PDB file of N, CA and C in Angstrom:
ATOM      1  N   SER A   1      -9.440   3.156  -5.229  1.00  0.00           N
ATOM      2  CA  SER A   1     -10.201   3.381  -3.858  1.00  0.00           C
ATOM      3  C   SER A   1     -11.888   3.539  -4.581  1.00  0.00           C
ATOM      4  N   GLU A   2     -11.708   4.217  -5.560  1.00  0.00           N
ATOM      5  CA  GLU A   2     -13.084   4.210  -6.057  1.00  0.00           C
ATOM      6  C   GLU A   2     -13.934   3.317  -6.515  1.00  0.00           C
ATOM      7  N   HIS A   3     -13.365   2.188  -7.077  1.00  0.00           N
ATOM      8  CA  HIS A   3     -13.703   0.451  -7.120  1.00  0.00           C
ATOM      9  C   HIS A   3     -14.391   0.202  -6.119  1.00  0.00           C
ATOM     10  N   TYR A   4     -13.436   0.371  -4.988  1.00  0.00           N
ATOM     11  CA  TYR A   4     -13.941  -0.303  -3.919  1.00  0.00           C
ATOM     12  C   TYR A   4     -14.858   0.609  -2.597  1.00  0.00           C
ATOM     13  N   GLY A   5     -15.074   1.665  -3.288  1.00  0.00           N
ATOM     14  CA  GLY A   5     -15.528   2.335  -2.616  1.00  0.00           C
ATOM     15  C   GLY A   5     -14.884   3.359  -0.800  1.00  0.00           C
ATOM     16  N   ILE A   6     -13.838   3.459  -1.156  1.00  0.00           N
ATOM     17  CA  ILE A   6     -12.981   3.712  -0.030  1.00  0.00           C
ATOM     18  C   ILE A   6     -12.045   5.159  -0.483  1.00  0.00           C
ATOM     19  N   ASP A   7     -12.651   5.725   0.580  1.00  0.00           N
ATOM     20  CA  ASP A   7     -12.006   7.683   0.192  1.00  0.00           C
ATOM     21  C   ASP A   7     -10.884   7.348   0.654  1.00  0.00           C
ATOM     22  N   TRP A   8      -9.547   7.864  -0.721  1.00  0.00           N
ATOM     23  CA  TRP A   8      -8.097   7.968  -0.831  1.00  0.00           C
ATOM     24  C   TRP A   8      -7.686   8.305   0.090  1.00  0.00           C
ATOM     25  N   MET A   9      -8.355   9.142   0.452  1.00  0.00           N
ATOM     26  CA  MET A   9      -7.798   9.832   2.196  1.00  0.00           C
ATOM     27  C   MET A   9      -7.148   8.749   3.295  1.00  0.00           C
ATOM     28  N   TYR A  10      -7.393   7.490   3.092  1.00  0.00           N
ATOM     29  CA  TYR A  10      -7.362   6.461   4.449  1.00  0.00           C
ATOM     30  C   TYR A  10      -6.712   5.952   3.377  1.00  0.00           C
ATOM     31  N   LEU A  11      -5.959   5.380   2.277  1.00  0.00           N
ATOM     32  CA  LEU A  11      -5.091   5.140   2.195  1.00  0.00           C
ATOM     33  C   LEU A  11      -4.218   5.333   1.982  1.00  0.00           C
ATOM     34  N   VAL A  12      -4.642   6.357   1.913  1.00  0.00           N
ATOM     35  CA  VAL A  12      -2.751   7.549   1.933  1.00  0.00           C
ATOM     36  C   VAL A  12      -2.103   8.140   2.985  1.00  0.00           C
ATOM     37  N   GLY A  13      -3.232   8.043   4.740  1.00  0.00           N
ATOM     38  CA  GLY A  13      -2.704   7.663   5.509  1.00  0.00           C
ATOM     39  C   GLY A  13      -3.096   9.294   5.696  1.00  0.00           C
ATOM     40  N   ILE A  14      -3.772   9.996   5.087  1.00  0.00           N
ATOM     41  CA  ILE A  14      -4.197  11.460   5.757  1.00  0.00           C
ATOM     42  C   ILE A  14      -5.204  11.628   6.802  1.00  0.00           C
ATOM     43  N   LYS A  15      -5.291  10.855   6.816  1.00  0.00           N
ATOM     44  CA  LYS A  15      -6.784  10.131   8.588  1.00  0.00           C
ATOM     45  C   LYS A  15      -6.110   8.787   8.948  1.00  0.00           C
ATOM     46  N   LYS A  16      -5.218   9.180   9.357  1.00  0.00           N
ATOM     47  CA  LYS A  16      -4.259   8.082  10.077  1.00  0.00           C
ATOM     48  C   LYS A  16      -5.177   7.621  11.383  1.00  0.00           C
ATOM     49  N   ASN A  17      -6.028   8.163  11.771  1.00  0.00           N
ATOM     50  CA  ASN A  17      -6.792   7.875  13.203  1.00  0.00           C
ATOM     51  C   ASN A  17      -7.833   6.046  12.978  1.00  0.00           C
ATOM     52  N   VAL A  18      -7.790   5.875  11.023  1.00  0.00           N
ATOM     53  CA  VAL A  18      -8.337   5.080  10.841  1.00  0.00           C
ATOM     54  C   VAL A  18      -7.382   3.942   9.972  1.00  0.00           C
ATOM     55  N   ILE A  19      -6.303   4.099   9.876  1.00  0.00           N
ATOM     56  CA  ILE A  19      -5.609   3.487   9.342  1.00  0.00           C
ATOM     57  C   ILE A  19      -5.628   1.963   9.551  1.00  0.00           C
ATOM     58  N   CYS A  20      -5.719   1.579  10.686  1.00  0.00           N
ATOM     59  CA  CYS A  20      -5.689   0.213  10.795  1.00  0.00           C
ATOM     60  C   CYS A  20      -6.714  -0.624  10.381  1.00  0.00           C
ATOM     61  N   SER A  21      -8.076  -0.182  10.014  1.00  0.00           N
ATOM     62  CA  SER A  21      -8.699  -0.269   9.482  1.00  0.00           C
ATOM     63  C   SER A  21      -8.499  -0.921   8.321  1.00  0.00           C
ATOM     64  N   PHE A  22      -7.802  -0.079   7.604  1.00  0.00           N
ATOM     65  CA  PHE A  22      -7.616  -0.099   5.979  1.00  0.00           C
ATOM     66  C   PHE A  22      -6.210  -0.759   5.680  1.00  0.00           C
ATOM     67  N   ARG A  23      -5.638  -1.861   6.650  1.00  0.00           N
ATOM     68  CA  ARG A  23      -4.363  -2.429   6.702  1.00  0.00           C
ATOM     69  C   ARG A  23      -3.706  -3.123   5.740  1.00  0.00           C
ATOM     70  N   LYS A  24      -4.568  -4.006   5.058  1.00  0.00           N
ATOM     71  CA  LYS A  24      -4.902  -4.457   4.031  1.00  0.00           C
ATOM     72  C   LYS A  24      -4.666  -4.217   2.423  1.00  0.00           C
ATOM     73  N   GLU A  25      -5.671  -2.909   2.109  1.00  0.00           N
ATOM     74  CA  GLU A  25      -6.093  -2.143   1.316  1.00  0.00           C
ATOM     75  C   GLU A  25      -4.728  -1.314   1.124  1.00  0.00           C
ATOM     76  N   ARG A  26      -4.254  -0.644   2.106  1.00  0.00           N
ATOM     77  CA  ARG A  26      -2.912   0.196   2.124  1.00  0.00           C
ATOM     78  C   ARG A  26      -1.782  -1.123   1.065  1.00  0.00           C
ATOM     79  N   ALA A  27      -1.629  -1.723   1.891  1.00  0.00           N
ATOM     80  CA  ALA A  27      -0.237  -2.946   1.361  1.00  0.00           C
ATOM     81  C   ALA A  27      -1.169  -3.269  -0.501  1.00  0.00           C
ATOM     82  N   ILE A  28      -1.748  -3.208  -0.513  1.00  0.00           N
ATOM     83  CA  ILE A  28      -2.318  -3.313  -2.225  1.00  0.00           C
ATOM     84  C   ILE A  28      -1.759  -1.995  -3.236  1.00  0.00           C
ATOM     85  N   CYS A  29      -2.690  -1.159  -1.850  1.00  0.00           N
ATOM     86  CA  CYS A  29      -2.324   0.238  -2.986  1.00  0.00           C
ATOM     87  C   CYS A  29      -0.747   0.177  -3.157  1.00  0.00           C
ATOM     88  N   MET A  30       0.184   0.256  -2.592  1.00  0.00           N
ATOM     89  CA  MET A  30       1.385   0.351  -2.190  1.00  0.00           C
ATOM     90  C   MET A  30       2.170  -0.465  -3.499  1.00  0.00           C
ATOM     91  N   TYR A  31       1.467  -1.932  -3.320  1.00  0.00           N
ATOM     92  CA  TYR A  31       1.971  -2.701  -4.242  1.00  0.00           C
ATOM     93  C   TYR A  31       1.289  -2.622  -5.856  1.00  0.00           C
ATOM     94  N   LEU A  32       0.537  -1.967  -5.814  1.00  0.00           N
ATOM     95  CA  LEU A  32       0.307  -1.172  -7.559  1.00  0.00           C
ATOM     96  C   LEU A  32       0.571  -0.073  -7.662  1.00  0.00           C
ATOM     97  N   ILE A  33       0.621   0.994  -6.829  1.00  0.00           N
ATOM     98  CA  ILE A  33       1.720   1.835  -6.948  1.00  0.00           C
ATOM     99  C   ILE A  33       3.109   1.215  -7.688  1.00  0.00           C
ATOM    100  N   HIS A  34       3.788   0.857  -6.879  1.00  0.00           N
ATOM    101  CA  HIS A  34       4.892   0.273  -7.137  1.00  0.00           C
ATOM    102  C   HIS A  34       5.077  -0.755  -8.856  1.00  0.00           C
ATOM    103  N   GLU A  35       3.869  -1.447  -8.671  1.00  0.00           N
ATOM    104  CA  GLU A  35       3.890  -1.938 -10.218  1.00  0.00           C
ATOM    105  C   GLU A  35       3.567  -1.206 -11.234  1.00  0.00           C
ATOM    106  N   LEU A  36       2.973  -0.493 -11.198  1.00  0.00           N
ATOM    107  CA  LEU A  36       2.044   0.121 -12.003  1.00  0.00           C
ATOM    108  C   LEU A  36       3.086   1.559 -12.523  1.00  0.00           C
ATOM    109  N   SER A  37       4.193   2.356 -11.395  1.00  0.00           N
ATOM    110  CA  SER A  37       4.085   3.716 -11.365  1.00  0.00           C
ATOM    111  C   SER A  37       6.233   3.194 -11.466  1.00  0.00           C
ATOM    112  N   GLY A  38       6.212   2.300 -11.020  1.00  0.00           N
ATOM    113  CA  GLY A  38       7.599   2.144 -10.788  1.00  0.00           C
ATOM    114  C   GLY A  38       8.718   3.505 -10.301  1.00  0.00           C
ATOM    115  N   LEU A  39       7.896   3.729  -9.374  1.00  0.00           N
ATOM    116  CA  LEU A  39       8.658   4.719  -7.899  1.00  0.00           C
ATOM    117  C   LEU A  39       8.967   4.107  -7.409  1.00  0.00           C
ATOM    118  N   GLU A  40      10.478   4.289  -6.609  1.00  0.00           N
ATOM    119  CA  GLU A  40      11.207   3.628  -5.773  1.00  0.00           C
ATOM    120  C   GLU A  40      10.580   3.815  -4.114  1.00  0.00           C
ATOM    121  N   TYR A  41      11.049   2.781  -3.570  1.00  0.00           N
ATOM    122  CA  TYR A  41      10.065   2.680  -2.392  1.00  0.00           C
ATOM    123  C   TYR A  41      10.251   3.619  -1.509  1.00  0.00           C
ATOM    124  N   GLU A  42      10.955   4.376  -1.518  1.00  0.00           N
ATOM    125  CA  GLU A  42      11.203   5.838  -1.038  1.00  0.00           C
ATOM    126  C   GLU A  42      10.189   6.767  -1.165  1.00  0.00           C
ATOM    127  N   GLU A  43       9.579   6.419  -2.546  1.00  0.00           N
ATOM    128  CA  GLU A  43       8.632   7.719  -3.065  1.00  0.00           C
ATOM    129  C   GLU A  43       7.292   7.339  -2.443  1.00  0.00           C
ATOM    130  N   ILE A  44       7.464   5.810  -2.712  1.00  0.00           N
ATOM    131  CA  ILE A  44       5.844   5.687  -2.143  1.00  0.00           C
ATOM    132  C   ILE A  44       5.397   5.977  -1.229  1.00  0.00           C
ATOM    133  N   ALA A  45       6.032   5.111   0.279  1.00  0.00           N
ATOM    134  CA  ALA A  45       6.762   5.925   1.203  1.00  0.00           C
ATOM    135  C   ALA A  45       6.237   6.913   1.675  1.00  0.00           C
ATOM    136  N   GLU A  46       6.653   8.321   0.650  1.00  0.00           N
ATOM    137  CA  GLU A  46       6.597   9.115   1.470  1.00  0.00           C
ATOM    138  C   GLU A  46       4.904   9.749   1.171  1.00  0.00           C
ATOM    139  N   ILE A  47       4.758   8.809   0.055  1.00  0.00           N
ATOM    140  CA  ILE A  47       3.186   9.170  -1.054  1.00  0.00           C
ATOM    141  C   ILE A  47       2.001   8.435   0.221  1.00  0.00           C
ATOM    142  N   MET A  48       2.184   7.600   1.051  1.00  0.00           N
ATOM    143  CA  MET A  48       1.294   6.591   1.899  1.00  0.00           C
ATOM    144  C   MET A  48       1.761   7.215   3.411  1.00  0.00           C
ATOM    145  N   GLY A  49       2.375   8.075   3.403  1.00  0.00           N
ATOM    146  CA  GLY A  49       3.059   8.940   5.085  1.00  0.00           C
ATOM    147  C   GLY A  49       3.876   8.210   5.530  1.00  0.00           C
ATOM    148  N   LYS A  50       4.543   7.174   5.209  1.00  0.00           N
ATOM    149  CA  LYS A  50       5.382   6.710   5.864  1.00  0.00           C
ATOM    150  C   LYS A  50       6.420   7.380   6.279  1.00  0.00           C
ATOM    151  N   ASP A  51       7.145   7.243   7.539  1.00  0.00           N
ATOM    152  CA  ASP A  51       8.660   7.717   7.742  1.00  0.00           C
ATOM    153  C   ASP A  51       9.845   7.127   6.745  1.00  0.00           C
ATOM    154  N   ASP A  52       9.318   5.652   7.014  1.00  0.00           N
ATOM    155  CA  ASP A  52      11.052   4.901   5.857  1.00  0.00           C
ATOM    156  C   ASP A  52      10.033   4.007   4.892  1.00  0.00           C
ATOM    157  N   CYS A  53      11.262   3.567   4.420  1.00  0.00           N
ATOM    158  CA  CYS A  53      10.343   2.518   3.333  1.00  0.00           C
ATOM    159  C   CYS A  53      10.639   0.909   3.783  1.00  0.00           C
ATOM    160  N   LYS A  54      11.140   0.726   4.737  1.00  0.00           N
ATOM    161  CA  LYS A  54      10.760  -0.136   5.375  1.00  0.00           C
ATOM    162  C   LYS A  54       9.602  -1.577   5.348  1.00  0.00           C
ATOM    163  N   GLN A  55       8.528  -0.280   6.031  1.00  0.00           N
ATOM    164  CA  GLN A  55       7.538  -1.381   5.902  1.00  0.00           C
ATOM    165  C   GLN A  55       6.781  -1.016   4.510  1.00  0.00           C
ATOM    166  N   VAL A  56       7.298  -0.573   3.689  1.00  0.00           N
ATOM    167  CA  VAL A  56       6.570  -0.248   2.316  1.00  0.00           C
ATOM    168  C   VAL A  56       7.274  -1.856   1.897  1.00  0.00           C
ATOM    169  N   VAL A  57       8.413  -1.780   2.002  1.00  0.00           N
ATOM    170  CA  VAL A  57       9.076  -2.757   1.378  1.00  0.00           C
ATOM    171  C   VAL A  57       8.735  -4.122   2.046  1.00  0.00           C
ATOM    172  N   LYS A  58       8.112  -4.608   2.920  1.00  0.00           N
ATOM    173  CA  LYS A  58       7.763  -5.638   3.558  1.00  0.00           C
ATOM    174  C   LYS A  58       6.385  -5.946   3.395  1.00  0.00           C
ATOM    175  N   GLU A  59       5.749  -4.798   2.908  1.00  0.00           N
ATOM    176  CA  GLU A  59       4.327  -4.745   2.603  1.00  0.00           C
ATOM    177  C   GLU A  59       4.013  -5.101   1.451  1.00  0.00           C
ATOM    178  N   ILE A  60       4.548  -4.977   0.570  1.00  0.00           N
ATOM    179  CA  ILE A  60       4.786  -4.709  -1.034  1.00  0.00           C
ATOM    180  C   ILE A  60       5.187  -6.681  -1.223  1.00  0.00           C
ATOM    181  N   TYR A  61       6.151  -6.890  -0.507  1.00  0.00           N
ATOM    182  CA  TYR A  61       6.816  -8.272  -0.768  1.00  0.00           C
ATOM    183  C   TYR A  61       5.495  -9.486  -0.241  1.00  0.00           C
ATOM    184  N   GLN A  62       4.937  -8.793   1.513  1.00  0.00           N
ATOM    185  CA  GLN A  62       3.795  -9.590   1.457  1.00  0.00           C
ATOM    186  C   GLN A  62       2.903  -9.974   0.553  1.00  0.00           C
ATOM    187  N   ILE A  63       2.339  -9.005  -0.349  1.00  0.00           N
ATOM    188  CA  ILE A  63       1.664  -8.655  -1.365  1.00  0.00           C
ATOM    189  C   ILE A  63       1.555  -9.336  -2.449  1.00  0.00           C
ATOM    190  N   GLU A  64       3.091  -9.716  -2.715  1.00  0.00           N
ATOM    191  CA  GLU A  64       3.810 -10.619  -3.643  1.00  0.00           C
ATOM    192  C   GLU A  64       3.508 -12.178  -3.285  1.00  0.00           C
ATOM    193  N   GLU A  65       3.741 -12.348  -2.517  1.00  0.00           N
ATOM    194  CA  GLU A  65       3.756 -13.775  -1.685  1.00  0.00           C
ATOM    195  C   GLU A  65       2.645 -14.294  -1.812  1.00  0.00           C
ATOM    196  N   GLU A  66       1.227 -13.233  -1.381  1.00  0.00           N
ATOM    197  CA  GLU A  66       0.047 -14.239  -1.517  1.00  0.00           C
ATOM    198  C   GLU A  66      -0.446 -14.360  -3.125  1.00  0.00           C
ATOM    199  N   ILE A  67       0.005 -13.229  -3.834  1.00  0.00           N
ATOM    200  CA  ILE A  67      -0.743 -13.680  -5.274  1.00  0.00           C
ATOM    201  C   ILE A  67       0.131 -14.746  -5.885  1.00  0.00           C
ATOM    202  N   LYS A  68       1.169 -14.980  -5.394  1.00  0.00           N
ATOM    203  CA  LYS A  68       1.981 -16.482  -6.128  1.00  0.00           C
ATOM    204  C   LYS A  68       1.027 -17.578  -5.382  1.00  0.00           C
ATOM    205  N   LYS A  69       1.127 -17.726  -4.113  1.00  0.00           N
ATOM    206  CA  LYS A  69       0.216 -18.472  -3.332  1.00  0.00           C
ATOM    207  C   LYS A  69      -1.274 -18.725  -4.149  1.00  0.00           C
ATOM    208  N   ASN A  70      -1.435 -17.823  -4.732  1.00  0.00           N
ATOM    209  CA  ASN A  70      -3.269 -17.781  -4.598  1.00  0.00           C
ATOM    210  C   ASN A  70      -2.823 -18.157  -6.605  1.00  0.00           C
ATOM    211  N   LEU A  71      -2.028 -18.047  -7.263  1.00  0.00           N
ATOM    212  CA  LEU A  71      -1.642 -18.303  -8.588  1.00  0.00           C
ATOM    213  C   LEU A  71      -1.522 -19.863  -8.689  1.00  0.00           C
ATOM    214  N   SER A  72      -0.881 -20.791  -7.637  1.00  0.00           N
ATOM    215  CA  SER A  72      -0.710 -22.191  -7.721  1.00  0.00           C
ATOM    216  C   SER A  72      -1.538 -22.994  -7.488  1.00  0.00           C
TER     217      SER A  72
END
């Protein structure tokens, strides 16, 4: 968040009224948490203020697919 100048509270869902503006950034954040920390999807969902991990799994998968597409 510091690198891109985005307040971390927007990424973890504390300021829920502006979450839609940072959808891609939140997905990247979830992907990085997953890759760098090894936390389970449920733990990431809790950190990101989500009720369950289904959306976390979906968004991480989408980022992984985008990475693969950009590397080929």
